[in-house]
């Protein structure tokens, strides 16, 4: 089988970002602030091309009700909120007041803060507070990897038919082929679990650290 995906050099990555919808001033400032304040954690932020893709996908779905599990400093939530249809609402689940405090400032600058609700606490618990009917159009999972199966099990039954769940970090820098720690093993097992889930149609994309898209039947 011929391999079609190509490695991205820094120069090619810059070209790729520049030839989609590149980050605007608010997003650039958020990216830089996160790198400056949290240099050891900045890799938790989604890649710029992922942010553009999240806005594109949310708009494509006409999403009005969206959920994010794992907000960090808010780049992905900013991207999703910008893509929501009129009167759309994004509910963010995170455990950090500090990180989401950074996010709130940039949501306000971008004029999307009125579309976003933050719920602080372990998402395995707080997700259960959502209505149980199939009302969600879009969900994005990007939190602690061991928790992915719990988040998946709570979200799938709440997605409308045709709704989409996007799951980040499904390749773990390639370590899913030879897991080295508990998070690697959790993602490798999760990927197999999702593949066997008859409730969804599935594609895994080599975007950033791997992005799975699941369309709920």
C-alpha atoms as a PDB file:
ATOM      1  CA  UNK A   1       0.000   0.000   0.000  1.00  0.00           C
ATOM      2  CA  UNK A   2       1.387   3.390  -1.009  1.00  0.00           C
ATOM      3  CA  UNK A   3       1.675   5.903   1.807  1.00  0.00           C
ATOM      4  CA  UNK A   4       0.025   9.170   0.806  1.00  0.00           C
ATOM      5  CA  UNK A   5       0.547  11.316   3.897  1.00  0.00           C
ATOM      6  CA  UNK A   6       3.805  13.237   3.916  1.00  0.00           C
ATOM      7  CA  UNK A   7       5.925  14.509   6.815  1.00  0.00           C
ATOM      8  CA  UNK A   8       5.472  18.197   7.594  1.00  0.00           C
ATOM      9  CA  UNK A   9       8.642  20.248   7.858  1.00  0.00           C
ATOM     10  CA  UNK A  10       8.305  23.543   9.764  1.00  0.00           C
ATOM     11  CA  UNK A  11       8.308  25.377   6.443  1.00  0.00           C
ATOM     12  CA  UNK A  12       5.627  23.148   4.924  1.00  0.00           C
ATOM     13  CA  UNK A  13       3.519  23.419   8.063  1.00  0.00           C
ATOM     14  CA  UNK A  14       3.709  27.227   7.898  1.00  0.00           C
ATOM     15  CA  UNK A  15       2.638  27.050   4.246  1.00  0.00           C
ATOM     16  CA  UNK A  16      -0.284  24.750   5.156  1.00  0.00           C
ATOM     17  CA  UNK A  17      -1.519  27.086   7.895  1.00  0.00           C
ATOM     18  CA  UNK A  18      -1.157  30.149   5.679  1.00  0.00           C
ATOM     19  CA  UNK A  19      -3.190  28.556   2.892  1.00  0.00           C
ATOM     20  CA  UNK A  20      -6.181  27.750   5.067  1.00  0.00           C
ATOM     21  CA  UNK A  21      -7.844  30.321   7.303  1.00  0.00           C
ATOM     22  CA  UNK A  22      -4.817  31.429   9.349  1.00  0.00           C
ATOM     23  CA  UNK A  23      -5.156  32.510  12.996  1.00  0.00           C
ATOM     24  CA  UNK A  24      -6.363  36.076  13.436  1.00  0.00           C
ATOM     25  CA  UNK A  25      -4.948  38.532  15.978  1.00  0.00           C
ATOM     26  CA  UNK A  26      -6.949  37.154  18.922  1.00  0.00           C
ATOM     27  CA  UNK A  27      -5.914  33.579  18.204  1.00  0.00           C
ATOM     28  CA  UNK A  28      -2.274  34.565  17.661  1.00  0.00           C
ATOM     29  CA  UNK A  29      -2.237  36.426  20.970  1.00  0.00           C
ATOM     30  CA  UNK A  30      -3.809  33.449  22.760  1.00  0.00           C
ATOM     31  CA  UNK A  31      -1.261  31.053  21.245  1.00  0.00           C
ATOM     32  CA  UNK A  32       1.641  33.293  22.256  1.00  0.00           C
ATOM     33  CA  UNK A  33       0.311  33.950  25.761  1.00  0.00           C
ATOM     34  CA  UNK A  34      -0.134  30.221  26.356  1.00  0.00           C
ATOM     35  CA  UNK A  35       3.416  29.533  25.201  1.00  0.00           C
ATOM     36  CA  UNK A  36       4.800  32.306  27.387  1.00  0.00           C
ATOM     37  CA  UNK A  37       2.857  31.554  30.573  1.00  0.00           C
ATOM     38  CA  UNK A  38       2.713  27.762  30.307  1.00  0.00           C
ATOM     39  CA  UNK A  39       5.755  26.618  28.319  1.00  0.00           C
ATOM     40  CA  UNK A  40       5.626  23.073  29.690  1.00  0.00           C
ATOM     41  CA  UNK A  41       1.911  22.678  28.929  1.00  0.00           C
ATOM     42  CA  UNK A  42       1.602  24.656  25.691  1.00  0.00           C
ATOM     43  CA  UNK A  43       1.609  21.467  23.621  1.00  0.00           C
ATOM     44  CA  UNK A  44      -1.870  20.801  25.033  1.00  0.00           C
ATOM     45  CA  UNK A  45      -3.172  23.583  22.791  1.00  0.00           C
ATOM     46  CA  UNK A  46      -4.617  22.469  19.448  1.00  0.00           C
ATOM     47  CA  UNK A  47      -2.594  23.192  16.330  1.00  0.00           C
ATOM     48  CA  UNK A  48      -3.575  26.274  14.279  1.00  0.00           C
ATOM     49  CA  UNK A  49      -4.817  24.142  11.391  1.00  0.00           C
ATOM     50  CA  UNK A  50      -6.942  22.152  13.841  1.00  0.00           C
ATOM     51  CA  UNK A  51      -8.528  25.371  15.068  1.00  0.00           C
ATOM     52  CA  UNK A  52      -9.386  26.352  11.499  1.00  0.00           C
ATOM     53  CA  UNK A  53     -10.771  22.871  10.871  1.00  0.00           C
ATOM     54  CA  UNK A  54     -12.948  22.982  14.008  1.00  0.00           C
ATOM     55  CA  UNK A  55     -14.527  26.255  12.866  1.00  0.00           C
ATOM     56  CA  UNK A  56     -15.036  24.866   9.360  1.00  0.00           C
ATOM     57  CA  UNK A  57     -16.564  21.624  10.617  1.00  0.00           C
ATOM     58  CA  UNK A  58     -18.864  23.335  13.109  1.00  0.00           C
ATOM     59  CA  UNK A  59     -20.149  25.624  10.357  1.00  0.00           C
ATOM     60  CA  UNK A  60     -20.534  22.723   7.957  1.00  0.00           C
ATOM     61  CA  UNK A  61     -22.715  20.893  10.468  1.00  0.00           C
ATOM     62  CA  UNK A  62     -24.794  23.977  11.205  1.00  0.00           C
ATOM     63  CA  UNK A  63     -24.122  23.168  14.846  1.00  0.00           C
ATOM     64  CA  UNK A  64     -26.203  24.929  17.495  1.00  0.00           C
ATOM     65  CA  UNK A  65     -25.474  22.707  20.493  1.00  0.00           C
ATOM     66  CA  UNK A  66     -21.855  21.746  21.056  1.00  0.00           C
ATOM     67  CA  UNK A  67     -19.744  20.306  23.869  1.00  0.00           C
ATOM     68  CA  UNK A  68     -16.027  20.417  24.518  1.00  0.00           C
ATOM     69  CA  UNK A  69     -14.290  18.135  27.015  1.00  0.00           C
ATOM     70  CA  UNK A  70     -10.921  19.650  27.900  1.00  0.00           C
ATOM     71  CA  UNK A  71     -10.699  23.397  27.283  1.00  0.00           C
ATOM     72  CA  UNK A  72      -7.221  24.346  28.539  1.00  0.00           C
ATOM     73  CA  UNK A  73      -6.635  28.024  27.554  1.00  0.00           C
ATOM     74  CA  UNK A  74      -9.464  28.092  25.070  1.00  0.00           C
ATOM     75  CA  UNK A  75      -8.137  27.980  21.512  1.00  0.00           C
ATOM     76  CA  UNK A  76     -10.306  25.052  20.410  1.00  0.00           C
ATOM     77  CA  UNK A  77     -13.389  26.441  22.159  1.00  0.00           C
ATOM     78  CA  UNK A  78     -12.838  29.827  20.512  1.00  0.00           C
ATOM     79  CA  UNK A  79     -12.682  28.077  17.145  1.00  0.00           C
ATOM     80  CA  UNK A  80     -15.833  26.036  17.793  1.00  0.00           C
ATOM     81  CA  UNK A  81     -17.788  29.026  19.125  1.00  0.00           C
ATOM     82  CA  UNK A  82     -16.960  31.014  16.000  1.00  0.00           C
ATOM     83  CA  UNK A  83     -18.466  28.280  13.865  1.00  0.00           C
ATOM     84  CA  UNK A  84     -21.763  27.942  15.723  1.00  0.00           C
ATOM     85  CA  UNK A  85     -25.025  28.788  14.003  1.00  0.00           C
ATOM     86  CA  UNK A  86     -27.148  31.700  15.236  1.00  0.00           C
ATOM     87  CA  UNK A  87     -28.107  31.274  18.902  1.00  0.00           C
ATOM     88  CA  UNK A  88     -25.631  28.415  19.171  1.00  0.00           C
ATOM     89  CA  UNK A  89     -24.224  27.365  22.528  1.00  0.00           C
ATOM     90  CA  UNK A  90     -20.973  25.653  23.522  1.00  0.00           C
ATOM     91  CA  UNK A  91     -20.635  23.963  26.909  1.00  0.00           C
ATOM     92  CA  UNK A  92     -17.027  23.475  28.017  1.00  0.00           C
ATOM     93  CA  UNK A  93     -16.001  20.925  30.628  1.00  0.00           C
ATOM     94  CA  UNK A  94     -12.654  21.417  32.363  1.00  0.00           C
ATOM     95  CA  UNK A  95     -11.052  21.092  35.794  1.00  0.00           C
ATOM     96  CA  UNK A  96      -8.953  24.281  35.851  1.00  0.00           C
ATOM     97  CA  UNK A  97     -10.191  27.735  36.835  1.00  0.00           C
ATOM     98  CA  UNK A  98      -6.707  29.084  36.081  1.00  0.00           C
ATOM     99  CA  UNK A  99      -6.511  27.873  32.478  1.00  0.00           C
ATOM    100  CA  UNK A 100     -10.117  28.676  31.628  1.00  0.00           C
ATOM    101  CA  UNK A 101      -9.587  32.139  33.122  1.00  0.00           C
ATOM    102  CA  UNK A 102      -7.091  32.790  30.321  1.00  0.00           C
ATOM    103  CA  UNK A 103      -9.627  31.432  27.866  1.00  0.00           C
ATOM    104  CA  UNK A 104     -12.406  33.726  29.070  1.00  0.00           C
ATOM    105  CA  UNK A 105     -10.383  36.874  28.406  1.00  0.00           C
ATOM    106  CA  UNK A 106      -9.764  35.881  24.800  1.00  0.00           C
ATOM    107  CA  UNK A 107     -13.356  34.732  24.248  1.00  0.00           C
ATOM    108  CA  UNK A 108     -14.440  38.201  25.354  1.00  0.00           C
ATOM    109  CA  UNK A 109     -12.003  39.865  22.959  1.00  0.00           C
ATOM    110  CA  UNK A 110     -13.321  37.694  20.136  1.00  0.00           C
ATOM    111  CA  UNK A 111     -16.936  38.495  21.025  1.00  0.00           C
ATOM    112  CA  UNK A 112     -17.974  34.871  21.595  1.00  0.00           C
ATOM    113  CA  UNK A 113     -18.096  34.776  25.404  1.00  0.00           C
ATOM    114  CA  UNK A 114     -21.899  34.951  25.372  1.00  0.00           C
ATOM    115  CA  UNK A 115     -22.002  31.636  23.467  1.00  0.00           C
ATOM    116  CA  UNK A 116     -19.829  29.684  25.908  1.00  0.00           C
ATOM    117  CA  UNK A 117     -20.627  28.140  29.289  1.00  0.00           C
ATOM    118  CA  UNK A 118     -17.866  26.624  31.423  1.00  0.00           C
ATOM    119  CA  UNK A 119     -18.511  23.840  33.907  1.00  0.00           C
ATOM    120  CA  UNK A 120     -15.630  23.147  36.267  1.00  0.00           C
ATOM    121  CA  UNK A 121     -15.212  19.647  37.664  1.00  0.00           C
ATOM    122  CA  UNK A 122     -14.351  16.108  36.582  1.00  0.00           C
ATOM    123  CA  UNK A 123     -16.058  15.686  33.210  1.00  0.00           C
ATOM    124  CA  UNK A 124     -16.938  12.094  33.984  1.00  0.00           C
ATOM    125  CA  UNK A 125     -19.335  13.525  36.552  1.00  0.00           C
ATOM    126  CA  UNK A 126     -20.379  16.845  35.023  1.00  0.00           C
ATOM    127  CA  UNK A 127     -21.225  15.380  31.613  1.00  0.00           C
ATOM    128  CA  UNK A 128     -23.944  13.375  33.327  1.00  0.00           C
ATOM    129  CA  UNK A 129     -25.716  16.650  34.106  1.00  0.00           C
ATOM    130  CA  UNK A 130     -26.487  17.169  30.408  1.00  0.00           C
ATOM    131  CA  UNK A 131     -29.990  16.296  29.157  1.00  0.00           C
ATOM    132  CA  UNK A 132     -30.270  12.668  28.138  1.00  0.00           C
ATOM    133  CA  UNK A 133     -32.051  13.263  24.834  1.00  0.00           C
ATOM    134  CA  UNK A 134     -30.186  13.296  21.517  1.00  0.00           C
ATOM    135  CA  UNK A 135     -29.646  17.054  21.311  1.00  0.00           C
ATOM    136  CA  UNK A 136     -25.952  17.620  20.578  1.00  0.00           C
ATOM    137  CA  UNK A 137     -24.733  18.503  17.091  1.00  0.00           C
ATOM    138  CA  UNK A 138     -20.994  18.468  17.769  1.00  0.00           C
ATOM    139  CA  UNK A 139     -18.580  17.367  20.489  1.00  0.00           C
ATOM    140  CA  UNK A 140     -14.816  17.687  20.829  1.00  0.00           C
ATOM    141  CA  UNK A 141     -12.830  15.472  23.207  1.00  0.00           C
ATOM    142  CA  UNK A 142      -9.326  16.645  24.150  1.00  0.00           C
ATOM    143  CA  UNK A 143      -8.750  15.914  27.824  1.00  0.00           C
ATOM    144  CA  UNK A 144      -7.030  13.294  29.990  1.00  0.00           C
ATOM    145  CA  UNK A 145      -6.554  10.234  27.804  1.00  0.00           C
ATOM    146  CA  UNK A 146      -7.519   7.640  30.410  1.00  0.00           C
ATOM    147  CA  UNK A 147     -10.925   9.316  30.647  1.00  0.00           C
ATOM    148  CA  UNK A 148     -11.734   9.077  26.931  1.00  0.00           C
ATOM    149  CA  UNK A 149     -13.918   5.938  27.192  1.00  0.00           C
ATOM    150  CA  UNK A 150     -16.060   7.584  29.885  1.00  0.00           C
ATOM    151  CA  UNK A 151     -16.497  10.776  27.868  1.00  0.00           C
ATOM    152  CA  UNK A 152     -17.349   8.754  24.773  1.00  0.00           C
ATOM    153  CA  UNK A 153     -19.939   6.690  26.617  1.00  0.00           C
ATOM    154  CA  UNK A 154     -21.632   9.819  27.956  1.00  0.00           C
ATOM    155  CA  UNK A 155     -21.610  11.723  24.663  1.00  0.00           C
ATOM    156  CA  UNK A 156     -22.617   9.195  22.005  1.00  0.00           C
ATOM    157  CA  UNK A 157     -26.170   8.677  23.356  1.00  0.00           C
ATOM    158  CA  UNK A 158     -26.630  12.459  23.511  1.00  0.00           C
ATOM    159  CA  UNK A 159     -25.643  13.147  19.877  1.00  0.00           C
ATOM    160  CA  UNK A 160     -28.362  13.746  17.320  1.00  0.00           C
ATOM    161  CA  UNK A 161     -28.396  11.442  14.285  1.00  0.00           C
ATOM    162  CA  UNK A 162     -25.735  12.869  11.982  1.00  0.00           C
ATOM    163  CA  UNK A 163     -23.980  14.644  14.831  1.00  0.00           C
ATOM    164  CA  UNK A 164     -20.186  14.448  14.930  1.00  0.00           C
ATOM    165  CA  UNK A 165     -17.703  13.731  17.705  1.00  0.00           C
ATOM    166  CA  UNK A 166     -14.094  14.806  17.096  1.00  0.00           C
ATOM    167  CA  UNK A 167     -11.418  13.164  19.262  1.00  0.00           C
ATOM    168  CA  UNK A 168      -7.887  14.570  19.511  1.00  0.00           C
ATOM    169  CA  UNK A 169      -4.501  12.909  20.130  1.00  0.00           C
ATOM    170  CA  UNK A 170      -5.517   9.507  18.808  1.00  0.00           C
ATOM    171  CA  UNK A 171      -2.012   8.776  17.474  1.00  0.00           C
ATOM    172  CA  UNK A 172       0.011   9.805  20.560  1.00  0.00           C
ATOM    173  CA  UNK A 173       3.031  10.851  18.453  1.00  0.00           C
ATOM    174  CA  UNK A 174       2.904   7.404  16.859  1.00  0.00           C
ATOM    175  CA  UNK A 175       3.134   5.576  20.170  1.00  0.00           C
ATOM    176  CA  UNK A 176      -0.211   3.815  19.659  1.00  0.00           C
ATOM    177  CA  UNK A 177       1.911   1.273  17.750  1.00  0.00           C
ATOM    178  CA  UNK A 178       4.080   0.635  20.819  1.00  0.00           C
ATOM    179  CA  UNK A 179       2.453   2.204  23.918  1.00  0.00           C
ATOM    180  CA  UNK A 180       4.913   3.462  26.520  1.00  0.00           C
ATOM    181  CA  UNK A 181       2.712   4.715  29.359  1.00  0.00           C
ATOM    182  CA  UNK A 182      -0.821   4.537  30.727  1.00  0.00           C
ATOM    183  CA  UNK A 183      -2.095   7.293  28.435  1.00  0.00           C
ATOM    184  CA  UNK A 184      -0.661   5.593  25.349  1.00  0.00           C
ATOM    185  CA  UNK A 185      -2.241   2.299  26.339  1.00  0.00           C
ATOM    186  CA  UNK A 186      -5.561   4.006  27.092  1.00  0.00           C
ATOM    187  CA  UNK A 187      -5.677   5.637  23.643  1.00  0.00           C
ATOM    188  CA  UNK A 188      -4.702   2.436  21.833  1.00  0.00           C
ATOM    189  CA  UNK A 189      -7.508   0.580  23.625  1.00  0.00           C
ATOM    190  CA  UNK A 190      -9.930   3.467  23.049  1.00  0.00           C
ATOM    191  CA  UNK A 191      -9.204   3.491  19.308  1.00  0.00           C
ATOM    192  CA  UNK A 192     -10.041  -0.209  19.124  1.00  0.00           C
ATOM    193  CA  UNK A 193     -13.209   0.324  21.156  1.00  0.00           C
ATOM    194  CA  UNK A 194     -14.397   3.127  18.876  1.00  0.00           C
ATOM    195  CA  UNK A 195     -13.610   1.095  15.770  1.00  0.00           C
ATOM    196  CA  UNK A 196     -15.943  -1.628  17.030  1.00  0.00           C
ATOM    197  CA  UNK A 197     -18.764   0.783  17.965  1.00  0.00           C
ATOM    198  CA  UNK A 198     -21.654   0.085  15.590  1.00  0.00           C
ATOM    199  CA  UNK A 199     -23.357   3.376  16.511  1.00  0.00           C
ATOM    200  CA  UNK A 200     -20.906   5.486  14.487  1.00  0.00           C
ATOM    201  CA  UNK A 201     -19.272   5.919  11.093  1.00  0.00           C
ATOM    202  CA  UNK A 202     -15.587   6.573  11.570  1.00  0.00           C
ATOM    203  CA  UNK A 203     -12.530   8.166   9.988  1.00  0.00           C
ATOM    204  CA  UNK A 204      -9.126   8.817  11.563  1.00  0.00           C
ATOM    205  CA  UNK A 205      -7.158  11.703  10.062  1.00  0.00           C
ATOM    206  CA  UNK A 206      -3.413  12.445  10.386  1.00  0.00           C
ATOM    207  CA  UNK A 207      -4.092  16.014  11.506  1.00  0.00           C
ATOM    208  CA  UNK A 208      -1.608  17.200  14.156  1.00  0.00           C
ATOM    209  CA  UNK A 209      -1.445  14.301  16.671  1.00  0.00           C
ATOM    210  CA  UNK A 210      -4.286  12.396  15.010  1.00  0.00           C
ATOM    211  CA  UNK A 211      -7.954  13.356  14.889  1.00  0.00           C
ATOM    212  CA  UNK A 212     -10.825  10.874  14.820  1.00  0.00           C
ATOM    213  CA  UNK A 213     -14.168  11.987  13.428  1.00  0.00           C
ATOM    214  CA  UNK A 214     -17.195   9.894  14.339  1.00  0.00           C
ATOM    215  CA  UNK A 215     -20.589  10.499  12.737  1.00  0.00           C
ATOM    216  CA  UNK A 216     -23.317   9.172  14.996  1.00  0.00           C
ATOM    217  CA  UNK A 217     -25.968   7.118  13.211  1.00  0.00           C
END
